[in-house]
Amino acid sequence: MKMLTLLEVGNLGGLVVMIIGVIIVIALVVSLVITLIAKVIYEWNNDRKFTKKQFWQTMLISLLICGLISGFVCGGM
């Protein structure tokens, strides 16, 4: 199997890797923002604490939903 480099001229493998990387980074940022909003709402008026486990679970669920949406948008039906 041929190794992919980011600056290939003849093949578009590097472009595909860069697009996938950008999609992953955007999904992580969106998931982080959604998780932080959920944390603020959860801790708004009560003495409840948003634990580390809840943070990562919310982040994972949000990331999975972002992955489903991006897969639908990029892959089509």
N, C-alpha and C. Protein backbone atom coordinates (compact mmCIF):
# COMPACT_ATOMS: atom_id res chain seq x y z
N MET A 1 0.84 -1.18 0.00
CA MET A 1 0.00 0.00 0.00
C MET A 1 0.89 1.24 0.00
N LYS A 2 0.52 2.20 -0.80
CA LYS A 2 1.30 3.42 -0.94
C LYS A 2 1.06 4.36 0.25
N MET A 3 2.12 4.93 0.77
CA MET A 3 1.99 5.86 1.89
C MET A 3 1.42 7.19 1.41
N LEU A 4 0.55 7.78 2.22
CA LEU A 4 -0.03 9.08 1.88
C LEU A 4 0.85 10.20 2.41
N THR A 5 1.06 11.19 1.60
CA THR A 5 1.72 12.40 2.06
C THR A 5 0.75 13.56 1.88
N LEU A 6 0.97 14.63 2.61
CA LEU A 6 0.03 15.74 2.56
C LEU A 6 0.18 16.57 1.29
N LEU A 7 1.31 16.49 0.61
CA LEU A 7 1.53 17.34 -0.55
C LEU A 7 1.73 16.54 -1.83
N GLU A 8 0.93 15.53 -2.04
CA GLU A 8 1.01 14.78 -3.28
C GLU A 8 0.40 15.61 -4.40
N VAL A 9 0.99 15.53 -5.56
CA VAL A 9 0.49 16.31 -6.69
C VAL A 9 -0.44 15.46 -7.55
N GLY A 10 -0.03 14.25 -7.87
CA GLY A 10 -0.81 13.43 -8.78
C GLY A 10 -2.02 12.79 -8.14
N ASN A 11 -1.94 12.47 -6.88
CA ASN A 11 -3.03 11.77 -6.20
C ASN A 11 -3.68 12.72 -5.20
N LEU A 12 -4.94 12.53 -4.94
CA LEU A 12 -5.65 13.42 -4.02
C LEU A 12 -5.78 12.83 -2.62
N GLY A 13 -4.94 11.87 -2.29
CA GLY A 13 -5.00 11.24 -0.97
C GLY A 13 -4.72 12.22 0.15
N GLY A 14 -3.75 13.11 -0.07
CA GLY A 14 -3.43 14.11 0.95
C GLY A 14 -4.59 15.05 1.20
N LEU A 15 -5.27 15.41 0.14
CA LEU A 15 -6.43 16.29 0.28
C LEU A 15 -7.54 15.61 1.08
N VAL A 16 -7.73 14.33 0.83
CA VAL A 16 -8.74 13.57 1.57
C VAL A 16 -8.39 13.51 3.05
N VAL A 17 -7.11 13.28 3.35
CA VAL A 17 -6.67 13.23 4.74
C VAL A 17 -6.87 14.58 5.41
N MET A 18 -6.57 15.66 4.70
CA MET A 18 -6.76 16.99 5.28
C MET A 18 -8.24 17.29 5.51
N ILE A 19 -9.10 16.90 4.59
CA ILE A 19 -10.54 17.14 4.76
C ILE A 19 -11.06 16.35 5.95
N ILE A 20 -10.66 15.10 6.08
CA ILE A 20 -11.09 14.28 7.21
C ILE A 20 -10.58 14.88 8.52
N GLY A 21 -9.34 15.36 8.52
CA GLY A 21 -8.79 16.00 9.71
C GLY A 21 -9.55 17.25 10.12
N VAL A 22 -9.93 18.05 9.13
CA VAL A 22 -10.70 19.27 9.42
C VAL A 22 -12.07 18.90 9.97
N ILE A 23 -12.70 17.89 9.41
CA ILE A 23 -14.01 17.46 9.90
C ILE A 23 -13.90 16.99 11.35
N ILE A 24 -12.86 16.24 11.67
CA ILE A 24 -12.68 15.74 13.04
C ILE A 24 -12.44 16.90 14.01
N VAL A 25 -11.61 17.85 13.62
CA VAL A 25 -11.33 19.00 14.50
C VAL A 25 -12.60 19.82 14.73
N ILE A 26 -13.36 20.07 13.67
CA ILE A 26 -14.60 20.84 13.82
C ILE A 26 -15.59 20.09 14.70
N ALA A 27 -15.69 18.77 14.53
CA ALA A 27 -16.60 17.98 15.37
C ALA A 27 -16.17 18.04 16.84
N LEU A 28 -14.87 17.99 17.10
CA LEU A 28 -14.39 18.09 18.48
C LEU A 28 -14.72 19.45 19.10
N VAL A 29 -14.53 20.51 18.33
CA VAL A 29 -14.81 21.85 18.85
C VAL A 29 -16.31 22.03 19.10
N VAL A 30 -17.13 21.58 18.16
CA VAL A 30 -18.58 21.70 18.34
C VAL A 30 -19.03 20.88 19.55
N SER A 31 -18.49 19.68 19.71
CA SER A 31 -18.84 18.84 20.86
C SER A 31 -18.42 19.49 22.17
N LEU A 32 -17.26 20.11 22.17
CA LEU A 32 -16.79 20.79 23.38
C LEU A 32 -17.71 21.95 23.74
N VAL A 33 -18.12 22.72 22.74
CA VAL A 33 -19.03 23.85 23.00
C VAL A 33 -20.37 23.35 23.52
N ILE A 34 -20.91 22.31 22.90
CA ILE A 34 -22.19 21.76 23.36
C ILE A 34 -22.07 21.23 24.78
N THR A 35 -20.95 20.57 25.09
CA THR A 35 -20.75 20.04 26.43
C THR A 35 -20.62 21.15 27.46
N LEU A 36 -19.92 22.22 27.11
CA LEU A 36 -19.79 23.34 28.04
C LEU A 36 -21.14 24.03 28.27
N ILE A 37 -21.95 24.14 27.23
CA ILE A 37 -23.30 24.70 27.40
C ILE A 37 -24.13 23.81 28.31
N ALA A 38 -24.03 22.49 28.12
CA ALA A 38 -24.77 21.55 28.98
C ALA A 38 -24.29 21.67 30.42
N LYS A 39 -23.00 21.86 30.61
CA LYS A 39 -22.45 22.01 31.97
C LYS A 39 -22.98 23.28 32.63
N VAL A 40 -23.01 24.37 31.90
CA VAL A 40 -23.51 25.63 32.46
C VAL A 40 -24.99 25.50 32.82
N ILE A 41 -25.77 24.87 31.97
CA ILE A 41 -27.20 24.68 32.25
C ILE A 41 -27.38 23.77 33.46
N TYR A 42 -26.57 22.72 33.56
CA TYR A 42 -26.70 21.76 34.67
C TYR A 42 -26.36 22.40 36.01
N GLU A 43 -25.37 23.28 36.01
CA GLU A 43 -24.92 23.89 37.26
C GLU A 43 -25.50 25.27 37.50
N TRP A 44 -26.52 25.67 36.76
CA TRP A 44 -27.00 27.05 36.77
C TRP A 44 -27.45 27.54 38.15
N ASN A 45 -28.49 26.96 38.72
CA ASN A 45 -29.03 27.47 39.97
C ASN A 45 -28.92 26.50 41.14
N ASN A 46 -28.39 25.37 40.91
CA ASN A 46 -28.38 24.35 41.96
C ASN A 46 -26.97 24.12 42.47
N ASP A 47 -26.90 23.30 43.48
CA ASP A 47 -25.60 22.92 44.03
C ASP A 47 -25.05 21.68 43.35
N ARG A 48 -25.70 21.25 42.29
CA ARG A 48 -25.24 20.05 41.60
C ARG A 48 -23.91 20.32 40.91
N LYS A 49 -23.08 19.30 40.89
CA LYS A 49 -21.76 19.40 40.27
C LYS A 49 -21.73 18.53 39.03
N PHE A 50 -21.23 19.07 37.95
CA PHE A 50 -21.07 18.33 36.70
C PHE A 50 -19.74 17.59 36.79
N THR A 51 -19.80 16.28 37.02
CA THR A 51 -18.59 15.51 37.27
C THR A 51 -17.79 15.31 35.98
N LYS A 52 -16.58 14.86 36.18
CA LYS A 52 -15.70 14.58 35.04
C LYS A 52 -16.28 13.47 34.16
N LYS A 53 -16.87 12.47 34.80
CA LYS A 53 -17.48 11.37 34.05
C LYS A 53 -18.65 11.88 33.21
N GLN A 54 -19.49 12.74 33.79
CA GLN A 54 -20.60 13.30 33.04
C GLN A 54 -20.10 14.16 31.89
N PHE A 55 -19.01 14.89 32.11
CA PHE A 55 -18.44 15.72 31.07
C PHE A 55 -18.02 14.87 29.87
N TRP A 56 -17.28 13.79 30.13
CA TRP A 56 -16.79 12.96 29.03
C TRP A 56 -17.91 12.18 28.37
N GLN A 57 -18.93 11.78 29.15
CA GLN A 57 -20.07 11.10 28.54
C GLN A 57 -20.84 12.04 27.62
N THR A 58 -21.04 13.27 28.07
CA THR A 58 -21.73 14.25 27.25
C THR A 58 -20.91 14.57 26.01
N MET A 59 -19.60 14.68 26.18
CA MET A 59 -18.72 14.95 25.05
C MET A 59 -18.78 13.81 24.03
N LEU A 60 -18.77 12.58 24.50
CA LEU A 60 -18.81 11.42 23.61
C LEU A 60 -20.14 11.34 22.86
N ILE A 61 -21.23 11.54 23.57
CA ILE A 61 -22.54 11.50 22.91
C ILE A 61 -22.66 12.60 21.87
N SER A 62 -22.20 13.78 22.22
CA SER A 62 -22.24 14.90 21.28
C SER A 62 -21.34 14.63 20.07
N LEU A 63 -20.18 14.04 20.31
CA LEU A 63 -19.27 13.72 19.21
C LEU A 63 -19.86 12.65 18.29
N LEU A 64 -20.54 11.68 18.87
CA LEU A 64 -21.19 10.65 18.05
C LEU A 64 -22.31 11.25 17.19
N ILE A 65 -23.07 12.16 17.77
CA ILE A 65 -24.13 12.81 17.00
C ILE A 65 -23.53 13.67 15.89
N CYS A 66 -22.46 14.39 16.19
CA CYS A 66 -21.78 15.18 15.14
C CYS A 66 -21.24 14.27 14.04
N GLY A 67 -20.74 13.11 14.42
CA GLY A 67 -20.25 12.15 13.43
C GLY A 67 -21.36 11.62 12.54
N LEU A 68 -22.51 11.36 13.14
CA LEU A 68 -23.65 10.91 12.34
C LEU A 68 -24.10 11.99 11.36
N ILE A 69 -24.14 13.22 11.84
CA ILE A 69 -24.57 14.32 10.97
C ILE A 69 -23.57 14.54 9.85
N SER A 70 -22.27 14.53 10.17
CA SER A 70 -21.27 14.75 9.12
C SER A 70 -21.24 13.57 8.15
N GLY A 71 -21.47 12.37 8.63
CA GLY A 71 -21.55 11.22 7.74
C GLY A 71 -22.73 11.31 6.80
N PHE A 72 -23.84 11.81 7.30
CA PHE A 72 -25.02 11.98 6.46
C PHE A 72 -24.78 13.07 5.42
N VAL A 73 -24.16 14.17 5.85
CA VAL A 73 -23.92 15.29 4.93
C VAL A 73 -22.87 14.92 3.88
N CYS A 74 -21.77 14.32 4.31
CA CYS A 74 -20.68 14.01 3.38
C CYS A 74 -20.97 12.76 2.54
N GLY A 75 -21.65 11.80 3.13
CA GLY A 75 -21.88 10.55 2.42
C GLY A 75 -23.17 10.50 1.64
N GLY A 76 -24.09 11.34 1.99
CA GLY A 76 -25.39 11.31 1.33
C GLY A 76 -26.25 10.19 1.86
N MET A 77 -27.34 9.98 1.19
CA MET A 77 -28.26 8.94 1.65
C MET A 77 -27.95 7.63 0.98
